[in-house]
N, C-alpha and C. Protein backbone atom coordinates (compact mmCIF):
# COMPACT_ATOMS: atom_id res chain seq x y z
N MET A 1 32.86 -36.45 5.15
CA MET A 1 33.55 -35.58 4.21
C MET A 1 33.94 -34.27 4.88
N LYS A 2 33.03 -33.77 5.74
CA LYS A 2 33.31 -32.52 6.44
C LYS A 2 34.51 -32.67 7.37
N LYS A 3 34.60 -33.83 8.02
CA LYS A 3 35.73 -34.08 8.91
C LYS A 3 37.05 -34.09 8.13
N LEU A 4 37.03 -34.67 6.94
CA LEU A 4 38.23 -34.70 6.09
C LEU A 4 38.64 -33.29 5.69
N MET A 5 37.68 -32.46 5.33
CA MET A 5 37.99 -31.08 4.96
C MET A 5 38.55 -30.30 6.15
N THR A 6 38.00 -30.53 7.33
CA THR A 6 38.49 -29.87 8.54
C THR A 6 39.92 -30.29 8.83
N MET A 7 40.20 -31.57 8.71
CA MET A 7 41.55 -32.06 8.93
C MET A 7 42.52 -31.49 7.90
N THR A 8 42.07 -31.36 6.66
CA THR A 8 42.91 -30.80 5.61
C THR A 8 43.24 -29.34 5.91
N ARG A 9 42.28 -28.58 6.36
CA ARG A 9 42.52 -27.17 6.70
C ARG A 9 43.48 -27.06 7.88
N GLN A 10 43.29 -27.90 8.87
CA GLN A 10 44.18 -27.88 10.03
C GLN A 10 45.61 -28.24 9.60
N PHE A 11 45.72 -29.20 8.75
CA PHE A 11 47.04 -29.60 8.25
C PHE A 11 47.69 -28.46 7.48
N ARG A 12 46.92 -27.78 6.66
CA ARG A 12 47.44 -26.67 5.86
C ARG A 12 47.90 -25.51 6.76
N ASP A 13 47.14 -25.22 7.80
CA ASP A 13 47.43 -24.09 8.66
C ASP A 13 48.51 -24.39 9.70
N ASP A 14 48.75 -25.65 9.95
CA ASP A 14 49.71 -26.03 10.98
C ASP A 14 51.13 -25.96 10.43
N GLU A 15 52.04 -25.39 11.20
CA GLU A 15 53.44 -25.29 10.80
C GLU A 15 54.11 -26.67 10.75
N ASN A 16 53.60 -27.59 11.51
CA ASN A 16 54.18 -28.94 11.49
C ASN A 16 53.98 -29.61 10.13
N GLY A 17 52.96 -29.20 9.41
CA GLY A 17 52.73 -29.76 8.08
C GLY A 17 53.88 -29.45 7.14
N ALA A 18 54.40 -28.23 7.21
CA ALA A 18 55.54 -27.85 6.37
C ALA A 18 56.76 -28.68 6.73
N ALA A 19 56.98 -28.90 8.01
CA ALA A 19 58.12 -29.71 8.43
C ALA A 19 57.96 -31.15 7.95
N MET A 20 56.73 -31.66 7.98
CA MET A 20 56.50 -33.01 7.52
C MET A 20 56.77 -33.12 6.03
N VAL A 21 56.43 -32.10 5.26
CA VAL A 21 56.71 -32.12 3.83
C VAL A 21 58.22 -32.12 3.60
N GLU A 22 58.94 -31.32 4.38
CA GLU A 22 60.40 -31.30 4.25
C GLU A 22 61.00 -32.67 4.56
N TYR A 23 60.52 -33.29 5.61
CA TYR A 23 61.02 -34.63 5.96
C TYR A 23 60.66 -35.65 4.88
N THR A 24 59.50 -35.50 4.29
CA THR A 24 59.09 -36.42 3.23
C THR A 24 60.00 -36.27 2.01
N VAL A 25 60.32 -35.03 1.65
CA VAL A 25 61.23 -34.80 0.52
C VAL A 25 62.60 -35.38 0.84
N LEU A 26 63.09 -35.15 2.05
CA LEU A 26 64.38 -35.70 2.47
C LEU A 26 64.37 -37.22 2.42
N LEU A 27 63.29 -37.82 2.88
CA LEU A 27 63.16 -39.28 2.83
C LEU A 27 63.17 -39.77 1.38
N GLY A 28 62.53 -39.04 0.49
CA GLY A 28 62.54 -39.41 -0.92
C GLY A 28 63.93 -39.36 -1.52
N ILE A 29 64.70 -38.34 -1.16
CA ILE A 29 66.07 -38.22 -1.66
C ILE A 29 66.93 -39.37 -1.12
N ILE A 30 66.78 -39.68 0.16
CA ILE A 30 67.55 -40.78 0.74
C ILE A 30 67.16 -42.11 0.08
N THR A 31 65.87 -42.30 -0.17
CA THR A 31 65.41 -43.53 -0.81
C THR A 31 65.98 -43.66 -2.21
N ALA A 32 65.96 -42.56 -2.98
CA ALA A 32 66.50 -42.59 -4.34
C ALA A 32 68.00 -42.89 -4.32
N ALA A 33 68.72 -42.30 -3.38
CA ALA A 33 70.16 -42.55 -3.27
C ALA A 33 70.43 -44.01 -2.90
N THR A 34 69.62 -44.56 -2.02
CA THR A 34 69.79 -45.96 -1.62
C THR A 34 69.53 -46.90 -2.79
N ILE A 35 68.49 -46.64 -3.55
CA ILE A 35 68.18 -47.48 -4.72
C ILE A 35 69.30 -47.38 -5.74
N ALA A 36 69.83 -46.17 -5.96
CA ALA A 36 70.93 -45.99 -6.90
C ALA A 36 72.16 -46.78 -6.46
N MET A 37 72.47 -46.74 -5.17
CA MET A 37 73.63 -47.48 -4.66
C MET A 37 73.43 -48.99 -4.81
N ILE A 38 72.23 -49.47 -4.56
CA ILE A 38 71.96 -50.90 -4.71
C ILE A 38 72.15 -51.32 -6.16
N ILE A 39 71.68 -50.50 -7.09
CA ILE A 39 71.85 -50.81 -8.51
C ILE A 39 73.33 -50.79 -8.89
N LEU A 40 74.07 -49.79 -8.42
CA LEU A 40 75.49 -49.71 -8.75
C LEU A 40 76.28 -50.89 -8.17
N VAL A 41 76.00 -51.24 -6.93
CA VAL A 41 76.69 -52.38 -6.32
C VAL A 41 76.31 -53.67 -7.04
N GLY A 42 75.04 -53.82 -7.39
CA GLY A 42 74.61 -55.01 -8.12
C GLY A 42 75.29 -55.13 -9.47
N THR A 43 75.44 -54.01 -10.16
CA THR A 43 76.14 -54.02 -11.45
C THR A 43 77.60 -54.40 -11.26
N TRP A 44 78.24 -53.86 -10.23
CA TRP A 44 79.63 -54.18 -9.96
C TRP A 44 79.81 -55.66 -9.65
N VAL A 45 78.93 -56.21 -8.79
CA VAL A 45 79.02 -57.62 -8.43
C VAL A 45 78.80 -58.49 -9.67
N THR A 46 77.86 -58.13 -10.50
CA THR A 46 77.62 -58.89 -11.73
C THR A 46 78.86 -58.88 -12.61
N GLY A 47 79.50 -57.73 -12.72
CA GLY A 47 80.74 -57.64 -13.51
C GLY A 47 81.84 -58.50 -12.93
N GLN A 48 81.97 -58.54 -11.62
CA GLN A 48 82.99 -59.36 -10.98
C GLN A 48 82.74 -60.85 -11.24
N TRP A 49 81.48 -61.27 -11.12
CA TRP A 49 81.16 -62.68 -11.38
C TRP A 49 81.42 -63.04 -12.84
N THR A 50 81.09 -62.12 -13.74
CA THR A 50 81.33 -62.37 -15.16
C THR A 50 82.83 -62.50 -15.43
N TYR A 51 83.62 -61.63 -14.81
CA TYR A 51 85.07 -61.71 -14.97
C TYR A 51 85.60 -63.03 -14.43
N LEU A 52 85.16 -63.43 -13.24
CA LEU A 52 85.62 -64.69 -12.66
C LEU A 52 85.20 -65.88 -13.51
N GLU A 53 84.00 -65.81 -14.07
CA GLU A 53 83.54 -66.90 -14.93
C GLU A 53 84.41 -67.00 -16.17
N GLY A 54 84.85 -65.87 -16.68
CA GLY A 54 85.72 -65.87 -17.85
C GLY A 54 87.10 -66.43 -17.56
N GLN A 55 87.52 -66.40 -16.30
CA GLN A 55 88.83 -66.93 -15.93
C GLN A 55 88.83 -68.45 -15.75
N LEU A 56 87.66 -69.05 -15.67
CA LEU A 56 87.59 -70.50 -15.51
C LEU A 56 87.95 -71.18 -16.82
N PRO A 57 88.51 -72.39 -16.74
CA PRO A 57 88.81 -73.11 -17.99
C PRO A 57 87.53 -73.43 -18.76
N ALA A 58 87.65 -73.45 -20.09
CA ALA A 58 86.48 -73.66 -20.94
C ALA A 58 85.92 -75.07 -20.80
N THR A 59 86.80 -76.06 -20.71
CA THR A 59 86.32 -77.43 -20.56
C THR A 59 86.82 -77.98 -19.23
N PRO A 60 85.96 -78.68 -18.55
CA PRO A 60 86.40 -79.23 -17.27
C PRO A 60 87.40 -80.34 -17.49
N THR A 61 88.39 -80.42 -16.63
CA THR A 61 89.38 -81.50 -16.73
C THR A 61 88.94 -82.64 -15.84
N THR A 62 89.13 -83.83 -16.34
CA THR A 62 88.76 -85.00 -15.54
C THR A 62 90.03 -85.53 -14.88
N PRO A 63 89.92 -85.87 -13.63
CA PRO A 63 91.12 -86.41 -12.95
C PRO A 63 91.48 -87.78 -13.51
N THR A 64 92.77 -88.02 -13.60
CA THR A 64 93.22 -89.34 -14.09
C THR A 64 93.34 -90.28 -12.89
N PRO A 65 92.84 -91.50 -13.05
CA PRO A 65 92.89 -92.45 -11.91
C PRO A 65 94.26 -93.03 -11.70
């Protein structure tokens, strides 16, 4: 437990800790933007498939021999 407290104090006092927090926040923003884009693209693709499905004939035609 003492080692953990010592590491925590070193992390708090070290300037690199602040930079790591900034990078973590930046990574979170990039991750959120990526997830949003995946959802938007997925919604668009779903809409395109639905549109194409609506353009198909309602009943299949059978070829005449």
